[in-house]
Amino acid sequence: MERTLDKLFDYEAETCRQQLRQLHDDLSVYEQQYSLSSAEFYVHYQKGQTDNRMDYIEWASLFQMAQRLEKRLSLLTGEGKA
């Protein structure tokens, strides 16, 4: 049973890593386009210091998804941010 759970956790962790790699690739497009890190952008977004253009909404959503996946990966593996 323990071996099965380990395999399941390993599979889920690898799935999270793959999704995070894709999200980071997507985020880097916005970071290059706007010359701003996603973390810096998100602070401005949370404070209402951005307009409501679709790019910003998508960028914030991708950043939130990445944060949730990083937390999930940390819980699954004990790893820090991936």
C-alpha atoms as a PDB file:
ATOM      1  CA  MET A   1       0.000   0.000   0.000  1.00  0.00           C
ATOM      2  CA  GLU A   2       2.793   2.430   0.913  1.00  0.00           C
ATOM      3  CA  ARG A   3       4.557   1.745  -2.366  1.00  0.00           C
ATOM      4  CA  THR A   4       1.363   2.480  -4.296  1.00  0.00           C
ATOM      5  CA  LEU A   5       0.891   5.772  -2.461  1.00  0.00           C
ATOM      6  CA  ASP A   6       4.517   6.742  -3.117  1.00  0.00           C
ATOM      7  CA  LYS A   7       4.023   6.105  -6.825  1.00  0.00           C
ATOM      8  CA  LEU A   8       0.827   8.110  -6.827  1.00  0.00           C
ATOM      9  CA  PHE A   9       2.501  11.045  -5.067  1.00  0.00           C
ATOM     10  CA  ASP A  10       5.474  10.846  -7.450  1.00  0.00           C
ATOM     11  CA  TYR A  11       3.154  10.862 -10.457  1.00  0.00           C
ATOM     12  CA  GLU A  12       1.177  13.821  -9.109  1.00  0.00           C
ATOM     13  CA  ALA A  13       4.379  15.726  -8.295  1.00  0.00           C
ATOM     14  CA  GLU A  14       5.723  15.174 -11.818  1.00  0.00           C
ATOM     15  CA  THR A  15       2.408  16.335 -13.283  1.00  0.00           C
ATOM     16  CA  CYS A  16       2.666  19.500 -11.166  1.00  0.00           C
ATOM     17  CA  ARG A  17       6.251  20.082 -12.340  1.00  0.00           C
ATOM     18  CA  GLN A  18       5.222  19.762 -15.987  1.00  0.00           C
ATOM     19  CA  GLN A  19       2.313  22.155 -15.533  1.00  0.00           C
ATOM     20  CA  LEU A  20       4.563  24.602 -13.688  1.00  0.00           C
ATOM     21  CA  ARG A  21       7.123  24.546 -16.497  1.00  0.00           C
ATOM     22  CA  GLN A  22       4.384  25.443 -18.983  1.00  0.00           C
ATOM     23  CA  LEU A  23       3.011  28.179 -16.735  1.00  0.00           C
ATOM     24  CA  HIS A  24       6.489  29.650 -16.251  1.00  0.00           C
ATOM     25  CA  ASP A  25       6.968  29.671 -20.022  1.00  0.00           C
ATOM     26  CA  ASP A  26       3.631  31.459 -20.421  1.00  0.00           C
ATOM     27  CA  LEU A  27       4.474  33.935 -17.657  1.00  0.00           C
ATOM     28  CA  SER A  28       7.854  34.729 -19.195  1.00  0.00           C
ATOM     29  CA  VAL A  29       6.106  35.920 -22.361  1.00  0.00           C
ATOM     30  CA  TYR A  30       4.268  38.569 -20.332  1.00  0.00           C
ATOM     31  CA  GLU A  31       7.382  39.430 -18.336  1.00  0.00           C
ATOM     32  CA  GLN A  32       9.329  40.080 -21.523  1.00  0.00           C
ATOM     33  CA  GLN A  33       6.465  41.953 -23.163  1.00  0.00           C
ATOM     34  CA  TYR A  34       5.970  44.303 -20.204  1.00  0.00           C
ATOM     35  CA  SER A  35       9.555  44.268 -18.794  1.00  0.00           C
ATOM     36  CA  LEU A  36       8.270  43.352 -15.348  1.00  0.00           C
ATOM     37  CA  SER A  37       8.494  40.224 -13.229  1.00  0.00           C
ATOM     38  CA  SER A  38       5.257  38.384 -12.591  1.00  0.00           C
ATOM     39  CA  ALA A  39       5.609  38.881  -8.837  1.00  0.00           C
ATOM     40  CA  GLU A  40       6.023  42.660  -9.254  1.00  0.00           C
ATOM     41  CA  PHE A  41       3.129  42.807 -11.693  1.00  0.00           C
ATOM     42  CA  TYR A  42       0.893  40.849  -9.339  1.00  0.00           C
ATOM     43  CA  VAL A  43       1.550  43.278  -6.467  1.00  0.00           C
ATOM     44  CA  HIS A  44       0.419  46.147  -8.717  1.00  0.00           C
ATOM     45  CA  TYR A  45      -2.561  44.116  -9.916  1.00  0.00           C
ATOM     46  CA  GLN A  46      -3.665  43.307  -6.360  1.00  0.00           C
ATOM     47  CA  LYS A  47      -3.444  46.996  -5.408  1.00  0.00           C
ATOM     48  CA  GLY A  48      -5.638  47.943  -8.379  1.00  0.00           C
ATOM     49  CA  GLN A  49      -2.776  49.787 -10.044  1.00  0.00           C
ATOM     50  CA  THR A  50      -3.406  48.220 -13.455  1.00  0.00           C
ATOM     51  CA  ASP A  51      -6.227  48.580 -15.898  1.00  0.00           C
ATOM     52  CA  ASN A  52      -8.549  45.743 -16.873  1.00  0.00           C
ATOM     53  CA  ARG A  53      -6.974  44.801 -20.180  1.00  0.00           C
ATOM     54  CA  MET A  54      -7.319  41.136 -21.014  1.00  0.00           C
ATOM     55  CA  ASP A  55      -3.530  40.594 -20.919  1.00  0.00           C
ATOM     56  CA  TYR A  56      -3.413  41.658 -17.279  1.00  0.00           C
ATOM     57  CA  ILE A  57      -6.327  39.471 -16.275  1.00  0.00           C
ATOM     58  CA  GLU A  58      -4.758  36.463 -17.983  1.00  0.00           C
ATOM     59  CA  TRP A  59      -1.328  37.234 -16.532  1.00  0.00           C
ATOM     60  CA  ALA A  60      -2.762  37.457 -13.001  1.00  0.00           C
ATOM     61  CA  SER A  61      -4.660  34.194 -13.507  1.00  0.00           C
ATOM     62  CA  LEU A  62      -1.550  32.385 -14.725  1.00  0.00           C
ATOM     63  CA  PHE A  63       0.428  33.727 -11.769  1.00  0.00           C
ATOM     64  CA  GLN A  64      -2.237  32.543  -9.318  1.00  0.00           C
ATOM     65  CA  MET A  65      -2.290  29.117 -10.950  1.00  0.00           C
ATOM     66  CA  ALA A  66       1.507  28.887 -10.649  1.00  0.00           C
ATOM     67  CA  GLN A  67       1.370  29.848  -6.975  1.00  0.00           C
ATOM     68  CA  ARG A  68      -1.231  27.174  -6.269  1.00  0.00           C
ATOM     69  CA  LEU A  69       0.780  24.534  -8.122  1.00  0.00           C
ATOM     70  CA  GLU A  70       3.953  25.488  -6.259  1.00  0.00           C
ATOM     71  CA  LYS A  71       2.100  25.106  -2.959  1.00  0.00           C
ATOM     72  CA  ARG A  72       0.664  21.755  -4.056  1.00  0.00           C
ATOM     73  CA  LEU A  73       4.098  20.515  -5.130  1.00  0.00           C
ATOM     74  CA  SER A  74       5.553  21.614  -1.820  1.00  0.00           C
ATOM     75  CA  LEU A  75       2.876  19.681   0.058  1.00  0.00           C
ATOM     76  CA  LEU A  76       3.410  16.582  -2.081  1.00  0.00           C
ATOM     77  CA  THR A  77       7.182  16.528  -1.898  1.00  0.00           C
ATOM     78  CA  GLY A  78       8.350  18.879   0.807  1.00  0.00           C
ATOM     79  CA  GLU A  79      10.206  20.790  -1.915  1.00  0.00           C
ATOM     80  CA  GLY A  80      10.392  24.544  -1.925  1.00  0.00           C
ATOM     81  CA  LYS A  81       9.306  26.507  -4.970  1.00  0.00           C
ATOM     82  CA  ALA A  82       9.960  24.619  -8.165  1.00  0.00           C
END
